[in-house]
C-alpha atoms as a PDB file:
ATOM      1  CA  MET A   1      20.783  -3.881 -11.745  1.00  0.00           C
ATOM      2  CA  GLY A   2      24.312  -3.704 -10.374  1.00  0.00           C
ATOM      3  CA  LYS A   3      27.529  -5.005 -11.347  1.00  0.00           C
ATOM      4  CA  THR A   4      27.977  -8.844 -12.237  1.00  0.00           C
ATOM      5  CA  VAL A   5      30.343 -10.494 -10.358  1.00  0.00           C
ATOM      6  CA  ASN A   6      31.519 -14.140  -9.827  1.00  0.00           C
ATOM      7  CA  LEU A   7      31.740 -15.792  -6.251  1.00  0.00           C
ATOM      8  CA  LEU A   8      35.178 -14.627  -5.587  1.00  0.00           C
ATOM      9  CA  GLU A   9      34.327 -11.160  -6.415  1.00  0.00           C
ATOM     10  CA  LEU A  10      31.272 -11.327  -4.360  1.00  0.00           C
ATOM     11  CA  ALA A  11      33.260 -12.756  -1.366  1.00  0.00           C
ATOM     12  CA  GLU A  12      35.593  -9.727  -1.571  1.00  0.00           C
ATOM     13  CA  ILE A  13      32.786  -7.214  -1.734  1.00  0.00           C
ATOM     14  CA  THR A  14      30.700  -8.762   1.161  1.00  0.00           C
ATOM     15  CA  GLY A  15      33.356 -10.002   3.218  1.00  0.00           C
ATOM     16  CA  PHE A  16      31.953 -13.453   3.527  1.00  0.00           C
ATOM     17  CA  ALA A  17      33.846 -16.546   2.670  1.00  0.00           C
ATOM     18  CA  VAL A  18      32.940 -18.158  -0.638  1.00  0.00           C
ATOM     19  CA  GLN A  19      31.808 -21.176   1.120  1.00  0.00           C
ATOM     20  CA  THR A  20      29.360 -19.119   3.001  1.00  0.00           C
ATOM     21  CA  LEU A  21      27.832 -17.504  -0.112  1.00  0.00           C
ATOM     22  CA  ILE A  22      27.362 -21.123  -1.652  1.00  0.00           C
ATOM     23  CA  ARG A  23      25.592 -22.295   1.304  1.00  0.00           C
ATOM     24  CA  TRP A  24      23.417 -19.178   1.219  1.00  0.00           C
ATOM     25  CA  GLN A  25      22.742 -19.855  -2.580  1.00  0.00           C
ATOM     26  CA  LYS A  26      21.646 -23.445  -1.772  1.00  0.00           C
ATOM     27  CA  ASP A  27      19.909 -23.096   1.532  1.00  0.00           C
ATOM     28  CA  GLU A  28      18.708 -19.539   1.927  1.00  0.00           C
ATOM     29  CA  ASP A  29      17.803 -18.578  -1.721  1.00  0.00           C
ATOM     30  CA  MET A  30      20.517 -15.758  -2.099  1.00  0.00           C
ATOM     31  CA  PRO A  31      19.938 -14.309  -5.759  1.00  0.00           C
ATOM     32  CA  VAL A  32      21.953 -16.086  -8.510  1.00  0.00           C
ATOM     33  CA  LEU A  33      21.943 -14.471 -12.047  1.00  0.00           C
ATOM     34  CA  LEU A  34      23.330 -17.611 -13.678  1.00  0.00           C
ATOM     35  CA  ALA A  35      23.950 -20.890 -11.782  1.00  0.00           C
ATOM     36  CA  GLY A  36      27.517 -22.031 -11.748  1.00  0.00           C
ATOM     37  CA  GLN A  37      28.364 -25.442 -13.604  1.00  0.00           C
ATOM     38  CA  ARG A  38      31.154 -27.831 -13.482  1.00  0.00           C
ATOM     39  CA  GLY A  39      34.127 -25.734 -14.638  1.00  0.00           C
ATOM     40  CA  ARG A  40      32.390 -22.473 -14.937  1.00  0.00           C
ATOM     41  CA  GLY A  41      31.481 -20.216 -11.841  1.00  0.00           C
ATOM     42  CA  GLY A  42      28.043 -18.577 -11.325  1.00  0.00           C
ATOM     43  CA  GLU A  43      27.134 -15.104 -11.890  1.00  0.00           C
ATOM     44  CA  HIS A  44      25.662 -12.745  -9.159  1.00  0.00           C
ATOM     45  CA  ASP A  45      24.314  -9.264  -9.270  1.00  0.00           C
ATOM     46  CA  ALA A  46      26.316  -7.485  -6.475  1.00  0.00           C
ATOM     47  CA  ALA A  47      23.449  -5.005  -5.800  1.00  0.00           C
ATOM     48  CA  ALA A  48      20.685  -7.678  -5.564  1.00  0.00           C
ATOM     49  CA  VAL A  49      22.929  -9.731  -3.101  1.00  0.00           C
ATOM     50  CA  ILE A  50      23.732  -6.882  -0.833  1.00  0.00           C
ATOM     51  CA  SER A  51      19.907  -5.940  -0.896  1.00  0.00           C
ATOM     52  CA  TRP A  52      19.197  -9.554  -0.153  1.00  0.00           C
ATOM     53  CA  LEU A  53      21.700  -9.610   2.785  1.00  0.00           C
ATOM     54  CA  ALA A  54      20.330  -6.389   4.261  1.00  0.00           C
ATOM     55  CA  ARG A  55      16.631  -7.717   4.146  1.00  0.00           C
ATOM     56  CA  ARG A  56      18.025 -11.025   5.744  1.00  0.00           C
ATOM     57  CA  GLU A  57      19.918  -9.158   8.469  1.00  0.00           C
ATOM     58  CA  VAL A  58      16.753  -7.109   9.330  1.00  0.00           C
ATOM     59  CA  HIS A  59      14.818 -10.271   9.331  1.00  0.00           C
ATOM     60  CA  ARG A  60      17.121 -12.014  11.718  1.00  0.00           C
ATOM     61  CA  ALA A  61      17.312  -9.248  13.968  1.00  0.00           C
ATOM     62  CA  GLY A  62      13.498  -9.178  14.335  1.00  0.00           C
ATOM     63  CA  LEU A  63      13.380  -5.576  13.152  1.00  0.00           C
ATOM     64  CA  SER A  64      10.896  -4.288  10.584  1.00  0.00           C
ATOM     65  CA  SER A  65      11.316  -2.095   7.649  1.00  0.00           C
ATOM     66  CA  PRO A  66       9.175   0.888   6.830  1.00  0.00           C
ATOM     67  CA  LYS A  67       7.083  -1.272   4.318  1.00  0.00           C
ATOM     68  CA  ASP A  68       6.767  -3.986   6.928  1.00  0.00           C
ATOM     69  CA  GLU A  69       5.468  -1.187   9.334  1.00  0.00           C
ATOM     70  CA  LEU A  70       3.051   0.029   6.658  1.00  0.00           C
ATOM     71  CA  ASP A  71       1.867  -3.364   5.827  1.00  0.00           C
ATOM     72  CA  ARG A  72       1.102  -4.066   9.687  1.00  0.00           C
ATOM     73  CA  VAL A  73      -0.898  -0.653   9.892  1.00  0.00           C
ATOM     74  CA  ARG A  74      -3.030  -1.428   6.992  1.00  0.00           C
ATOM     75  CA  LYS A  75      -4.122  -4.713   8.385  1.00  0.00           C
END
């Protein structure tokens, strides 16, 4: 588990806008430790989000990870 951060800190770490991160939470299942509520922000595991971003980019680029290649060969 990585460092626990809020959305503003996560935006600084990743370089993405807070609004983009919120959209990814809602629409693309970005990992969240504790969902924010009115008057209280959410909490995120920075390492889990960075890992999720990497997997998302690999998927979007159509590239495969070593694990994907191994799974493909096993089939």
